[in-house]
Amino acid sequence: SPASAALTEAPRLAAVYDTILSARFDQADVQLKQACPPAPEG
């Protein structure tokens, strides 16, 4: 059966990804520290 769990903190993680793609790596590091946890460690 397919997994039905949703990714927690998806909007925050998507924002981190956008920041990385904008090459703002220092800001992405700050965002990751704020999002993780509660976002999944993986």
Full PDB file with SEQRES, HELIX, SHEET, SSBOND, CRYST1, ORIGX, SCALE, CONECT and MASTER records, all heavy atoms in Angstrom:
SEQRES   1 A   42  SER PRO ALA SER ALA ALA LEU THR GLU ALA PRO ARG LEU          
SEQRES   2 A   42  ALA ALA VAL TYR ASP THR ILE LEU SER ALA ARG PHE ASP          
SEQRES   3 A   42  GLN ALA ASP VAL GLN LEU LYS GLN ALA CYS PRO PRO ALA          
SEQRES   4 A   42  PRO GLU GLY                                                  
HELIX    1 AA1 ALA A   10  LEU A   21  1                                  12    
HELIX    2 AA2 PHE A   25  ALA A   35  1                                  11    
CRYST1    1.000    1.000    1.000  90.00  90.00  90.00 P 1           1          
ORIGX1      1.000000  0.000000  0.000000        0.00000                         
ORIGX2      0.000000  1.000000  0.000000        0.00000                         
ORIGX3      0.000000  0.000000  1.000000        0.00000                         
SCALE1      1.000000  0.000000  0.000000        0.00000                         
SCALE2      0.000000  1.000000  0.000000        0.00000                         
SCALE3      0.000000  0.000000  1.000000        0.00000                         
ATOM      1  N   SER A   1       0.848  -1.194   0.000  1.00  0.00           N  
ATOM      2  CA  SER A   1       0.000   0.000   0.000  1.00  0.00           C  
ATOM      3  C   SER A   1       0.883   1.243   0.000  1.00  0.00           C  
ATOM      4  O   SER A   1       1.948   1.243   0.597  1.00  0.00           O  
ATOM      5  CB  SER A   1      -0.918  -0.001   1.218  1.00  0.00           C  
ATOM      6  OG  SER A   1      -0.146   0.020   2.399  1.00  0.00           O  
ATOM      7  N   PRO A   2       0.468   2.304  -0.671  1.00  0.00           N  
ATOM      8  CA  PRO A   2       1.292   3.511  -0.728  1.00  0.00           C  
ATOM      9  C   PRO A   2       1.354   4.205   0.620  1.00  0.00           C  
ATOM     10  O   PRO A   2       0.415   4.146   1.413  1.00  0.00           O  
ATOM     11  CB  PRO A   2       0.569   4.386  -1.760  1.00  0.00           C  
ATOM     12  CG  PRO A   2      -0.837   3.902  -1.754  1.00  0.00           C  
ATOM     13  CD  PRO A   2      -0.766   2.436  -1.415  1.00  0.00           C  
ATOM     14  N   ALA A   3       2.465   4.852   0.868  1.00  0.00           N  
ATOM     15  CA  ALA A   3       2.616   5.611   2.103  1.00  0.00           C  
ATOM     16  C   ALA A   3       1.735   6.849   2.027  1.00  0.00           C  
ATOM     17  O   ALA A   3       1.641   7.496   0.995  1.00  0.00           O  
ATOM     18  CB  ALA A   3       4.072   6.000   2.295  1.00  0.00           C  
ATOM     19  N   SER A   4       1.101   7.170   3.099  1.00  0.00           N  
ATOM     20  CA  SER A   4       0.204   8.317   3.093  1.00  0.00           C  
ATOM     21  C   SER A   4       0.717   9.455   3.967  1.00  0.00           C  
ATOM     22  O   SER A   4       0.032  10.449   4.145  1.00  0.00           O  
ATOM     23  CB  SER A   4      -1.189   7.895   3.554  1.00  0.00           C  
ATOM     24  OG  SER A   4      -1.115   7.394   4.871  1.00  0.00           O  
ATOM     25  N   ALA A   5       1.904   9.309   4.516  1.00  0.00           N  
ATOM     26  CA  ALA A   5       2.441  10.356   5.376  1.00  0.00           C  
ATOM     27  C   ALA A   5       2.898  11.546   4.544  1.00  0.00           C  
ATOM     28  O   ALA A   5       3.458  11.392   3.469  1.00  0.00           O  
ATOM     29  CB  ALA A   5       3.603   9.803   6.185  1.00  0.00           C  
ATOM     30  N   ALA A   6       2.625  12.723   5.024  1.00  0.00           N  
ATOM     31  CA  ALA A   6       3.041  13.944   4.343  1.00  0.00           C  
ATOM     32  C   ALA A   6       4.333  14.445   4.972  1.00  0.00           C  
ATOM     33  O   ALA A   6       4.612  14.200   6.141  1.00  0.00           O  
ATOM     34  CB  ALA A   6       1.957  14.995   4.468  1.00  0.00           C  
ATOM     35  N   LEU A   7       5.107  15.149   4.189  1.00  0.00           N  
ATOM     36  CA  LEU A   7       6.338  15.736   4.678  1.00  0.00           C  
ATOM     37  C   LEU A   7       5.990  16.904   5.594  1.00  0.00           C  
ATOM     38  O   LEU A   7       5.301  17.846   5.179  1.00  0.00           O  
ATOM     39  CB  LEU A   7       7.193  16.224   3.503  1.00  0.00           C  
ATOM     40  CG  LEU A   7       8.489  16.925   3.850  1.00  0.00           C  
ATOM     41  CD1 LEU A   7       9.440  15.976   4.581  1.00  0.00           C  
ATOM     42  CD2 LEU A   7       9.147  17.441   2.587  1.00  0.00           C  
ATOM     43  N   THR A   8       6.438  16.832   6.831  1.00  0.00           N  
ATOM     44  CA  THR A   8       6.189  17.937   7.753  1.00  0.00           C  
ATOM     45  C   THR A   8       7.131  19.088   7.434  1.00  0.00           C  
ATOM     46  O   THR A   8       8.244  18.885   6.955  1.00  0.00           O  
ATOM     47  CB  THR A   8       6.399  17.502   9.217  1.00  0.00           C  
ATOM     48  OG1 THR A   8       7.724  17.023   9.373  1.00  0.00           O  
ATOM     49  CG2 THR A   8       5.415  16.414   9.620  1.00  0.00           C  
ATOM     50  N   GLU A   9       6.664  20.296   7.657  1.00  0.00           N  
ATOM     51  CA  GLU A   9       7.444  21.509   7.417  1.00  0.00           C  
ATOM     52  C   GLU A   9       7.807  21.714   5.945  1.00  0.00           C  
ATOM     53  O   GLU A   9       8.807  22.361   5.624  1.00  0.00           O  
ATOM     54  CB  GLU A   9       8.708  21.519   8.283  1.00  0.00           C  
ATOM     55  CG  GLU A   9       8.448  21.489   9.773  1.00  0.00           C  
ATOM     56  CD  GLU A   9       7.715  22.721  10.279  1.00  0.00           C  
ATOM     57  OE1 GLU A   9       8.005  23.837   9.835  1.00  0.00           O  
ATOM     58  OE2 GLU A   9       6.829  22.552  11.125  1.00  0.00           O  
ATOM     59  N   ALA A  10       7.005  21.174   5.048  1.00  0.00           N  
ATOM     60  CA  ALA A  10       7.293  21.264   3.611  1.00  0.00           C  
ATOM     61  C   ALA A  10       7.458  22.709   3.127  1.00  0.00           C  
ATOM     62  O   ALA A  10       8.401  22.986   2.375  1.00  0.00           O  
ATOM     63  CB  ALA A  10       6.220  20.537   2.809  1.00  0.00           C  
ATOM     64  N   PRO A  11       6.611  23.651   3.537  1.00  0.00           N  
ATOM     65  CA  PRO A  11       6.809  25.029   3.058  1.00  0.00           C  
ATOM     66  C   PRO A  11       8.146  25.627   3.501  1.00  0.00           C  
ATOM     67  O   PRO A  11       8.817  26.311   2.728  1.00  0.00           O  
ATOM     68  CB  PRO A  11       5.642  25.802   3.665  1.00  0.00           C  
ATOM     69  CG  PRO A  11       4.590  24.763   3.915  1.00  0.00           C  
ATOM     70  CD  PRO A  11       5.352  23.521   4.277  1.00  0.00           C  
ATOM     71  N   ARG A  12       8.542  25.342   4.718  1.00  0.00           N  
ATOM     72  CA  ARG A  12       9.835  25.855   5.208  1.00  0.00           C  
ATOM     73  C   ARG A  12      10.994  25.209   4.459  1.00  0.00           C  
ATOM     74  O   ARG A  12      11.976  25.882   4.115  1.00  0.00           O  
ATOM     75  CB  ARG A  12       9.971  25.617   6.709  1.00  0.00           C  
ATOM     76  CG  ARG A  12       9.027  26.492   7.515  1.00  0.00           C  
ATOM     77  CD  ARG A  12       9.051  26.150   8.964  1.00  0.00           C  
ATOM     78  NE  ARG A  12      10.208  26.777   9.614  1.00  0.00           N  
ATOM     79  CZ  ARG A  12      10.451  26.671  10.908  1.00  0.00           C  
ATOM     80  NH1 ARG A  12       9.651  25.982  11.686  1.00  0.00           N  
ATOM     81  NH2 ARG A  12      11.500  27.261  11.438  1.00  0.00           N  
ATOM     82  N   LEU A  13      10.900  23.921   4.201  1.00  0.00           N  
ATOM     83  CA  LEU A  13      11.966  23.234   3.470  1.00  0.00           C  
ATOM     84  C   LEU A  13      12.030  23.714   2.027  1.00  0.00           C  
ATOM     85  O   LEU A  13      13.116  23.867   1.459  1.00  0.00           O  
ATOM     86  CB  LEU A  13      11.770  21.716   3.546  1.00  0.00           C  
ATOM     87  CG  LEU A  13      11.912  21.115   4.950  1.00  0.00           C  
ATOM     88  CD1 LEU A  13      11.556  19.640   4.933  1.00  0.00           C  
ATOM     89  CD2 LEU A  13      13.305  21.338   5.511  1.00  0.00           C  
ATOM     90  N   ALA A  14      10.884  23.982   1.443  1.00  0.00           N  
ATOM     91  CA  ALA A  14      10.865  24.515   0.074  1.00  0.00           C  
ATOM     92  C   ALA A  14      11.513  25.888   0.030  1.00  0.00           C  
ATOM     93  O   ALA A  14      12.232  26.225  -0.921  1.00  0.00           O  
ATOM     94  CB  ALA A  14       9.426  24.575  -0.444  1.00  0.00           C  
ATOM     95  N   ALA A  15      11.294  26.690   1.067  1.00  0.00           N  
ATOM     96  CA  ALA A  15      11.918  28.014   1.136  1.00  0.00           C  
ATOM     97  C   ALA A  15      13.438  27.889   1.242  1.00  0.00           C  
ATOM     98  O   ALA A  15      14.178  28.664   0.623  1.00  0.00           O  
ATOM     99  CB  ALA A  15      11.357  28.794   2.315  1.00  0.00           C  
ATOM    100  N   VAL A  16      13.908  26.913   2.006  1.00  0.00           N  
ATOM    101  CA  VAL A  16      15.350  26.668   2.109  1.00  0.00           C  
ATOM    102  C   VAL A  16      15.908  26.293   0.739  1.00  0.00           C  
ATOM    103  O   VAL A  16      16.951  26.811   0.317  1.00  0.00           O  
ATOM    104  CB  VAL A  16      15.658  25.560   3.143  1.00  0.00           C  
ATOM    105  CG1 VAL A  16      17.139  25.187   3.124  1.00  0.00           C  
ATOM    106  CG2 VAL A  16      15.241  25.980   4.535  1.00  0.00           C  
ATOM    107  N   TYR A  17      15.212  25.428   0.041  1.00  0.00           N  
ATOM    108  CA  TYR A  17      15.655  24.993  -1.286  1.00  0.00           C  
ATOM    109  C   TYR A  17      15.730  26.181  -2.247  1.00  0.00           C  
ATOM    110  O   TYR A  17      16.711  26.335  -2.977  1.00  0.00           O  
ATOM    111  CB  TYR A  17      14.713  23.916  -1.815  1.00  0.00           C  
ATOM    112  CG  TYR A  17      15.184  23.281  -3.099  1.00  0.00           C  
ATOM    113  CD1 TYR A  17      16.323  22.489  -3.127  1.00  0.00           C  
ATOM    114  CD2 TYR A  17      14.476  23.470  -4.281  1.00  0.00           C  
ATOM    115  CE1 TYR A  17      16.753  21.905  -4.306  1.00  0.00           C  
ATOM    116  CE2 TYR A  17      14.903  22.884  -5.460  1.00  0.00           C  
ATOM    117  CZ  TYR A  17      16.042  22.105  -5.464  1.00  0.00           C  
ATOM    118  OH  TYR A  17      16.474  21.525  -6.632  1.00  0.00           O  
ATOM    119  N   ASP A  18      14.733  27.046  -2.205  1.00  0.00           N  
ATOM    120  CA  ASP A  18      14.749  28.246  -3.052  1.00  0.00           C  
ATOM    121  C   ASP A  18      15.933  29.142  -2.706  1.00  0.00           C  
ATOM    122  O   ASP A  18      16.573  29.712  -3.600  1.00  0.00           O  
ATOM    123  CB  ASP A  18      13.450  29.029  -2.902  1.00  0.00           C  
ATOM    124  CG  ASP A  18      12.268  28.343  -3.563  1.00  0.00           C  
ATOM    125  OD1 ASP A  18      12.488  27.473  -4.441  1.00  0.00           O  
ATOM    126  OD2 ASP A  18      11.115  28.673  -3.206  1.00  0.00           O  
ATOM    127  N   THR A  19      16.233  29.258  -1.430  1.00  0.00           N  
ATOM    128  CA  THR A  19      17.370  30.070  -0.998  1.00  0.00           C  
ATOM    129  C   THR A  19      18.678  29.467  -1.499  1.00  0.00           C  
ATOM    130  O   THR A  19      19.575  30.198  -1.942  1.00  0.00           O  
ATOM    131  CB  THR A  19      17.381  30.195   0.540  1.00  0.00           C  
ATOM    132  OG1 THR A  19      16.131  30.744   0.967  1.00  0.00           O  
ATOM    133  CG2 THR A  19      18.504  31.085   1.021  1.00  0.00           C  
ATOM    134  N   ILE A  20      18.795  28.153  -1.451  1.00  0.00           N  
ATOM    135  CA  ILE A  20      19.989  27.476  -1.975  1.00  0.00           C  
ATOM    136  C   ILE A  20      20.130  27.752  -3.466  1.00  0.00           C  
ATOM    137  O   ILE A  20      21.216  28.094  -3.941  1.00  0.00           O  
ATOM    138  CB  ILE A  20      19.926  25.962  -1.694  1.00  0.00           C  
ATOM    139  CG1 ILE A  20      20.056  25.688  -0.199  1.00  0.00           C  
ATOM    140  CG2 ILE A  20      21.015  25.217  -2.479  1.00  0.00           C  
ATOM    141  CD1 ILE A  20      19.720  24.263   0.201  1.00  0.00           C  
ATOM    142  N   LEU A  21      19.029  27.629  -4.205  1.00  0.00           N  
ATOM    143  CA  LEU A  21      19.085  27.860  -5.651  1.00  0.00           C  
ATOM    144  C   LEU A  21      19.389  29.312  -5.989  1.00  0.00           C  
ATOM    145  O   LEU A  21      19.863  29.604  -7.089  1.00  0.00           O  
ATOM    146  CB  LEU A  21      17.787  27.403  -6.313  1.00  0.00           C  
ATOM    147  CG  LEU A  21      17.519  25.901  -6.267  1.00  0.00           C  
ATOM    148  CD1 LEU A  21      16.208  25.581  -6.960  1.00  0.00           C  
ATOM    149  CD2 LEU A  21      18.661  25.115  -6.884  1.00  0.00           C  
ATOM    150  N   SER A  22      19.148  30.208  -5.039  1.00  0.00           N  
ATOM    151  CA  SER A  22      19.493  31.616  -5.222  1.00  0.00           C  
ATOM    152  C   SER A  22      20.937  31.900  -4.782  1.00  0.00           C  
ATOM    153  O   SER A  22      21.365  33.046  -4.785  1.00  0.00           O  
ATOM    154  CB  SER A  22      18.543  32.503  -4.419  1.00  0.00           C  
ATOM    155  OG  SER A  22      17.230  32.355  -4.894  1.00  0.00           O  
ATOM    156  N   ALA A  23      21.650  30.853  -4.394  1.00  0.00           N  
ATOM    157  CA  ALA A  23      23.053  30.928  -3.981  1.00  0.00           C  
ATOM    158  C   ALA A  23      23.251  31.794  -2.735  1.00  0.00           C  
ATOM    159  O   ALA A  23      24.290  32.406  -2.552  1.00  0.00           O  
ATOM    160  CB  ALA A  23      23.942  31.401  -5.125  1.00  0.00           C  
ATOM    161  N   ARG A  24      22.253  31.807  -1.859  1.00  0.00           N  
ATOM    162  CA  ARG A  24      22.361  32.509  -0.581  1.00  0.00           C  
ATOM    163  C   ARG A  24      22.578  31.446   0.507  1.00  0.00           C  
ATOM    164  O   ARG A  24      21.704  31.143   1.306  1.00  0.00           O  
ATOM    165  CB  ARG A  24      21.107  33.344  -0.336  1.00  0.00           C  
ATOM    166  CG  ARG A  24      20.930  34.438  -1.377  1.00  0.00           C  
ATOM    167  CD  ARG A  24      19.784  35.394  -1.063  1.00  0.00           C  
ATOM    168  NE  ARG A  24      18.596  34.733  -0.563  1.00  0.00           N  
ATOM    169  CZ  ARG A  24      17.436  34.641  -1.233  1.00  0.00           C  
ATOM    170  NH1 ARG A  24      17.323  35.161  -2.435  1.00  0.00           N  
ATOM    171  NH2 ARG A  24      16.400  34.039  -0.701  1.00  0.00           N  
ATOM    172  N   PHE A  25      23.775  30.876   0.500  1.00  0.00           N  
ATOM    173  CA  PHE A  25      24.069  29.699   1.307  1.00  0.00           C  
ATOM    174  C   PHE A  25      24.086  30.000   2.804  1.00  0.00           C  
ATOM    175  O   PHE A  25      23.659  29.155   3.602  1.00  0.00           O  
ATOM    176  CB  PHE A  25      25.378  29.061   0.848  1.00  0.00           C  
ATOM    177  CG  PHE A  25      25.363  28.712  -0.611  1.00  0.00           C  
ATOM    178  CD1 PHE A  25      26.173  29.387  -1.512  1.00  0.00           C  
ATOM    179  CD2 PHE A  25      24.512  27.732  -1.097  1.00  0.00           C  
ATOM    180  CE1 PHE A  25      26.150  29.074  -2.862  1.00  0.00           C  
ATOM    181  CE2 PHE A  25      24.475  27.420  -2.446  1.00  0.00           C  
ATOM    182  CZ  PHE A  25      25.296  28.093  -3.329  1.00  0.00           C  
ATOM    183  N   ASP A  26      24.564  31.166   3.197  1.00  0.00           N  
ATOM    184  CA  ASP A  26      24.557  31.520   4.622  1.00  0.00           C  
ATOM    185  C   ASP A  26      23.126  31.627   5.146  1.00  0.00           C  
ATOM    186  O   ASP A  26      22.811  31.155   6.236  1.00  0.00           O  
ATOM    187  CB  ASP A  26      25.302  32.831   4.857  1.00  0.00           C  
ATOM    188  CG  ASP A  26      26.804  32.693   4.619  1.00  0.00           C  
ATOM    189  OD1 ASP A  26      27.313  31.553   4.698  1.00  0.00           O  
ATOM    190  OD2 ASP A  26      27.451  33.717   4.353  1.00  0.00           O  
ATOM    191  N   GLN A  27      22.270  32.247   4.348  1.00  0.00           N  
ATOM    192  CA  GLN A  27      20.870  32.372   4.741  1.00  0.00           C  
ATOM    193  C   GLN A  27      20.194  30.995   4.783  1.00  0.00           C  
ATOM    194  O   GLN A  27      19.381  30.724   5.667  1.00  0.00           O  
ATOM    195  CB  GLN A  27      20.119  33.290   3.792  1.00  0.00           C  
ATOM    196  CG  GLN A  27      18.687  33.522   4.203  1.00  0.00           C  
ATOM    197  CD  GLN A  27      17.939  34.459   3.262  1.00  0.00           C  
ATOM    198  OE1 GLN A  27      18.533  35.068   2.373  1.00  0.00           O  
ATOM    199  NE2 GLN A  27      16.646  34.567   3.449  1.00  0.00           N  
ATOM    200  N   ALA A  28      20.534  30.125   3.840  1.00  0.00           N  
ATOM    201  CA  ALA A  28      19.966  28.774   3.832  1.00  0.00           C  
ATOM    202  C   ALA A  28      20.360  28.017   5.095  1.00  0.00           C  
ATOM    203  O   ALA A  28      19.547  27.283   5.662  1.00  0.00           O  
ATOM    204  CB  ALA A  28      20.421  28.016   2.590  1.00  0.00           C  
ATOM    205  N   ASP A  29      21.591  28.202   5.544  1.00  0.00           N  
ATOM    206  CA  ASP A  29      22.045  27.545   6.771  1.00  0.00           C  
ATOM    207  C   ASP A  29      21.231  28.018   7.968  1.00  0.00           C  
ATOM    208  O   ASP A  29      20.814  27.215   8.808  1.00  0.00           O  
ATOM    209  CB  ASP A  29      23.538  27.826   6.985  1.00  0.00           C  
ATOM    210  CG  ASP A  29      24.105  27.037   8.150  1.00  0.00           C  
ATOM    211  OD1 ASP A  29      23.842  25.823   8.232  1.00  0.00           O  
ATOM    212  OD2 ASP A  29      24.805  27.650   8.983  1.00  0.00           O  
ATOM    213  N   VAL A  30      20.967  29.315   8.040  1.00  0.00           N  
ATOM    214  CA  VAL A  30      20.143  29.861   9.130  1.00  0.00           C  
ATOM    215  C   VAL A  30      18.737  29.284   9.055  1.00  0.00           C  
ATOM    216  O   VAL A  30      18.162  28.869  10.072  1.00  0.00           O  
ATOM    217  CB  VAL A  30      20.116  31.406   9.066  1.00  0.00           C  
ATOM    218  CG1 VAL A  30      19.084  31.977  10.027  1.00  0.00           C  
ATOM    219  CG2 VAL A  30      21.499  31.977   9.357  1.00  0.00           C  
ATOM    220  N   GLN A  31      18.165  29.244   7.854  1.00  0.00           N  
ATOM    221  CA  GLN A  31      16.812  28.698   7.692  1.00  0.00           C  
ATOM    222  C   GLN A  31      16.754  27.237   8.109  1.00  0.00           C  
ATOM    223  O   GLN A  31      15.785  26.800   8.737  1.00  0.00           O  
ATOM    224  CB  GLN A  31      16.364  28.830   6.235  1.00  0.00           C  
ATOM    225  CG  GLN A  31      16.030  30.238   5.816  1.00  0.00           C  
ATOM    226  CD  GLN A  31      15.689  30.299   4.345  1.00  0.00           C  
ATOM    227  OE1 GLN A  31      16.469  29.875   3.492  1.00  0.00           O  
ATOM    228  NE2 GLN A  31      14.517  30.830   4.041  1.00  0.00           N  
ATOM    229  N   LEU A  32      17.780  26.464   7.760  1.00  0.00           N  
ATOM    230  CA  LEU A  32      17.802  25.046   8.134  1.00  0.00           C  
ATOM    231  C   LEU A  32      17.855  24.891   9.647  1.00  0.00           C  
ATOM    232  O   LEU A  32      17.187  24.015  10.212  1.00  0.00           O  
ATOM    233  CB  LEU A  32      18.995  24.333   7.492  1.00  0.00           C  
ATOM    234  CG  LEU A  32      18.780  23.843   6.080  1.00  0.00           C  
ATOM    235  CD1 LEU A  32      20.086  23.353   5.468  1.00  0.00           C  
ATOM    236  CD2 LEU A  32      17.744  22.730   6.043  1.00  0.00           C  
ATOM    237  N   LYS A  33      18.635  25.730  10.312  1.00  0.00           N  
ATOM    238  CA  LYS A  33      18.715  25.643  11.774  1.00  0.00           C  
ATOM    239  C   LYS A  33      17.374  25.963  12.419  1.00  0.00           C  
ATOM    240  O   LYS A  33      17.050  25.410  13.474  1.00  0.00           O  
ATOM    241  CB  LYS A  33      19.801  26.581  12.289  1.00  0.00           C  
ATOM    242  CG  LYS A  33      21.193  26.079  11.977  1.00  0.00           C  
ATOM    243  CD  LYS A  33      22.264  27.052  12.426  1.00  0.00           C  
ATOM    244  CE  LYS A  33      23.628  26.529  12.018  1.00  0.00           C  
ATOM    245  NZ  LYS A  33      24.704  27.493  12.276  1.00  0.00           N  
ATOM    246  N   GLN A  34      16.588  26.817  11.783  1.00  0.00           N  
ATOM    247  CA  GLN A  34      15.268  27.154  12.323  1.00  0.00           C  
ATOM    248  C   GLN A  34      14.233  26.082  12.018  1.00  0.00           C  
ATOM    249  O   GLN A  34      13.311  25.857  12.798  1.00  0.00           O  
ATOM    250  CB  GLN A  34      14.805  28.497  11.757  1.00  0.00           C  
ATOM    251  CG  GLN A  34      15.646  29.661  12.213  1.00  0.00           C  
ATOM    252  CD  GLN A  34      15.319  30.952  11.480  1.00  0.00           C  
ATOM    253  OE1 GLN A  34      14.601  30.961  10.489  1.00  0.00           O  
ATOM    254  NE2 GLN A  34      15.866  32.051  11.963  1.00  0.00           N  
ATOM    255  N   ALA A  35      14.380  25.412  10.885  1.00  0.00           N  
ATOM    256  CA  ALA A  35      13.383  24.418  10.460  1.00  0.00           C  
ATOM    257  C   ALA A  35      13.651  23.021  11.002  1.00  0.00           C  
ATOM    258  O   ALA A  35      12.738  22.195  11.059  1.00  0.00           O  
ATOM    259  CB  ALA A  35      13.326  24.365   8.930  1.00  0.00           C  
ATOM    260  N   CYS A  36      14.875  22.749  11.392  1.00  0.00           N  
ATOM    261  CA  CYS A  36      15.266  21.380  11.776  1.00  0.00           C  
ATOM    262  C   CYS A  36      15.703  21.317  13.224  1.00  0.00           C  
ATOM    263  O   CYS A  36      16.757  21.872  13.552  1.00  0.00           O  
ATOM    264  CB  CYS A  36      16.397  20.917  10.880  1.00  0.00           C  
ATOM    265  SG  CYS A  36      16.010  21.043   9.127  1.00  0.00           S  
ATOM    266  N   PRO A  37      15.052  20.575  14.090  1.00  0.00           N  
ATOM    267  CA  PRO A  37      13.691  20.096  13.964  1.00  0.00           C  
ATOM    268  C   PRO A  37      12.697  21.244  14.053  1.00  0.00           C  
ATOM    269  O   PRO A  37      13.108  22.328  14.438  1.00  0.00           O  
ATOM    270  CB  PRO A  37      13.552  19.141  15.133  1.00  0.00           C  
ATOM    271  CG  PRO A  37      14.558  19.589  16.148  1.00  0.00           C  
ATOM    272  CD  PRO A  37      15.626  20.298  15.395  1.00  0.00           C  
ATOM    273  N   PRO A  38      11.514  21.049  13.712  1.00  0.00           N  
ATOM    274  CA  PRO A  38      10.670  19.868  13.632  1.00  0.00           C  
ATOM    275  C   PRO A  38      10.664  19.171  12.273  1.00  0.00           C  
ATOM    276  O   PRO A  38      10.082  18.104  12.155  1.00  0.00           O  
ATOM    277  CB  PRO A  38       9.278  20.405  13.947  1.00  0.00           C  
ATOM    278  CG  PRO A  38       9.291  21.794  13.445  1.00  0.00           C  
ATOM    279  CD  PRO A  38      10.703  22.275  13.647  1.00  0.00           C  
ATOM    280  N   ALA A  39      11.297  19.753  11.249  1.00  0.00           N  
ATOM    281  CA  ALA A  39      11.344  19.063   9.954  1.00  0.00           C  
ATOM    282  C   ALA A  39      12.125  17.759  10.111  1.00  0.00           C  
ATOM    283  O   ALA A  39      13.004  17.651  10.971  1.00  0.00           O  
ATOM    284  CB  ALA A  39      12.012  19.958   8.920  1.00  0.00           C  
ATOM    285  N   PRO A  40      11.820  16.756   9.294  1.00  0.00           N  
ATOM    286  CA  PRO A  40      12.505  15.465   9.396  1.00  0.00           C  
ATOM    287  C   PRO A  40      14.011  15.612   9.158  1.00  0.00           C  
ATOM    288  O   PRO A  40      14.450  16.325   8.256  1.00  0.00           O  
ATOM    289  CB  PRO A  40      11.872  14.622   8.284  1.00  0.00           C  
ATOM    290  CG  PRO A  40      10.599  15.307   7.945  1.00  0.00           C  
ATOM    291  CD  PRO A  40      10.795  16.756   8.258  1.00  0.00           C  
ATOM    292  N   GLU A  41      14.786  14.938   9.978  1.00  0.00           N  
ATOM    293  CA  GLU A  41      16.238  15.032   9.896  1.00  0.00           C  
ATOM    294  C   GLU A  41      16.762  14.594   8.534  1.00  0.00           C  
ATOM    295  O   GLU A  41      17.712  15.176   8.013  1.00  0.00           O  
ATOM    296  CB  GLU A  41      16.896  14.206  11.016  1.00  0.00           C  
ATOM    297  CG  GLU A  41      18.403  14.364  11.076  1.00  0.00           C  
ATOM    298  CD  GLU A  41      18.877  15.814  11.228  1.00  0.00           C  
ATOM    299  OE1 GLU A  41      18.178  16.622  11.856  1.00  0.00           O  
ATOM    300  OE2 GLU A  41      19.959  16.133  10.695  1.00  0.00           O  
ATOM    301  N   GLY A  42      16.152  13.595   7.937  1.00  0.00           N  
ATOM    302  CA  GLY A  42      16.594  13.140   6.612  1.00  0.00           C  
ATOM    303  C   GLY A  42      16.460  14.221   5.555  1.00  0.00           C  
ATOM    304  O   GLY A  42      17.342  14.414   4.710  1.00  0.00           O  
TER     305      GLY A  42                                                      
MASTER        0    0    0    2    0    0    0    6  304    1    0    4          
END                                                                             
